[in-house]
Every structure is written in structure tokens, then in C-alpha cells.
């Protein structure tokens, strides 16, 4: 899959500024490190539930962590969140 964005995500900026890692965020949210890495690096779009879990782990609002919350996702038959 091609990169969806060509600049650091807000999530990446927050993790970097707080000295946190993808592995830390994965542990806090219960998501795999690989999935979190894809979201942090803009290779996948997080759905509403994922965005809420990540924001909660960081003690921030969803709007702060994911400024473009206009993207809506659904879960496909394989259990993956995909843009709808």
C-alpha cells in the first residue's frame, strides 16, 4: 500500500515530543506494534474506535491527535478498518 501522507502525522509529532515510542503506544492500547506503526506513519487510517483508544492513552482529545477526523472507516470482512 502506498503512503497516504508525505509528512509526519500529528500522532508521530506527539509521540516524538513526549519521548514515547510506537511500542509504548501499542502496549497502552492493546494494538499490535505493526498496526500502530502503520497509523503513526500515515500508511493506514485509524477508525473511530482506534482513534479514541490512542487519544485516551495519550491523555488527549481525538481532535488533537487526529486533526482530520472527517475520515470515516468501516471494518471489512477480515476485521481491518478501511476508509468508507
Protein backbone atom coordinates (compact mmCIF):
# COMPACT_ATOMS: atom_id res chain seq x y z
CA UNK A 1 0.00 0.00 0.00
CA UNK A 2 1.28 3.46 -0.81
CA UNK A 3 1.86 6.03 1.88
CA UNK A 4 -1.28 8.07 2.45
CA UNK A 5 0.63 11.16 3.56
CA UNK A 6 4.07 12.54 2.84
CA UNK A 7 4.70 14.39 6.11
CA UNK A 8 4.80 13.43 9.80
CA UNK A 9 1.40 12.77 11.29
CA UNK A 10 0.21 14.72 14.30
CA UNK A 11 0.39 11.42 16.20
CA UNK A 12 4.06 11.00 15.22
CA UNK A 13 4.77 14.56 16.35
CA UNK A 14 3.09 13.96 19.73
CA UNK A 15 4.95 10.70 20.34
CA UNK A 16 8.26 12.34 19.45
CA UNK A 17 7.63 15.41 21.63
CA UNK A 18 6.71 13.24 24.61
CA UNK A 19 9.62 10.84 24.12
CA UNK A 20 7.22 7.94 23.57
CA UNK A 21 7.60 5.07 21.13
CA UNK A 22 5.33 3.04 18.89
CA UNK A 23 5.97 0.06 21.18
CA UNK A 24 4.81 2.08 24.19
CA UNK A 25 1.62 3.15 22.43
CA UNK A 26 0.95 -0.41 21.30
CA UNK A 27 1.24 -1.64 24.90
CA UNK A 28 -1.06 1.12 26.16
CA UNK A 29 -3.76 0.47 23.54
CA UNK A 30 -3.51 -3.29 23.10
CA UNK A 31 -2.96 -2.94 19.35
CA UNK A 32 -0.03 -4.61 17.63
CA UNK A 33 3.16 -2.63 17.22
CA UNK A 34 2.93 -3.13 13.47
CA UNK A 35 -0.59 -1.67 13.27
CA UNK A 36 0.32 1.29 15.47
CA UNK A 37 3.40 1.92 13.35
CA UNK A 38 1.29 1.99 10.18
CA UNK A 39 -1.10 4.52 11.73
CA UNK A 40 1.70 6.66 13.21
CA UNK A 41 3.49 6.76 9.85
CA UNK A 42 0.37 7.50 7.85
CA UNK A 43 0.26 4.20 5.98
CA UNK A 44 -3.19 3.30 7.34
CA UNK A 45 -6.15 5.32 8.54
CA UNK A 46 -7.36 4.69 12.06
CA UNK A 47 -11.06 4.17 12.59
CA UNK A 48 -13.09 5.88 15.29
CA UNK A 49 -12.50 3.24 17.98
CA UNK A 50 -8.76 3.19 17.29
CA UNK A 51 -8.55 6.98 17.38
CA UNK A 52 -10.38 7.05 20.70
CA UNK A 53 -8.07 4.42 22.25
CA UNK A 54 -4.95 6.22 21.08
CA UNK A 55 -6.16 9.61 22.29
CA UNK A 56 -7.08 8.17 25.69
CA UNK A 57 -3.66 6.52 26.04
CA UNK A 58 -2.03 9.88 25.33
CA UNK A 59 -4.36 11.84 27.62
CA UNK A 60 -5.51 14.00 24.72
CA UNK A 61 -8.62 14.57 22.67
CA UNK A 62 -9.23 12.72 19.42
CA UNK A 63 -9.29 16.08 17.62
CA UNK A 64 -5.83 16.94 18.96
CA UNK A 65 -4.24 13.64 17.96
CA UNK A 66 -6.13 13.20 14.69
CA UNK A 67 -6.95 16.70 13.38
CA UNK A 68 -8.63 15.35 10.24
CA UNK A 69 -11.44 13.41 11.86
CA UNK A 70 -13.62 13.74 8.76
CA UNK A 71 -12.32 10.38 7.53
CA UNK A 72 -14.71 7.60 8.47
CA UNK A 73 -13.80 3.94 8.44
CA UNK A 74 -15.64 0.66 8.45
CA UNK A 75 -14.44 -2.82 9.35
CA UNK A 76 -14.13 -5.21 6.42
CA UNK A 77 -14.77 -8.96 6.48
CA UNK A 78 -11.16 -9.54 7.58
CA UNK A 79 -11.55 -7.30 10.63
CA UNK A 80 -9.46 -4.46 9.20
CA UNK A 81 -10.53 -0.83 9.35
CA UNK A 82 -10.85 0.67 5.87
CA UNK A 83 -11.88 4.14 4.73
CA UNK A 84 -15.57 4.30 3.88
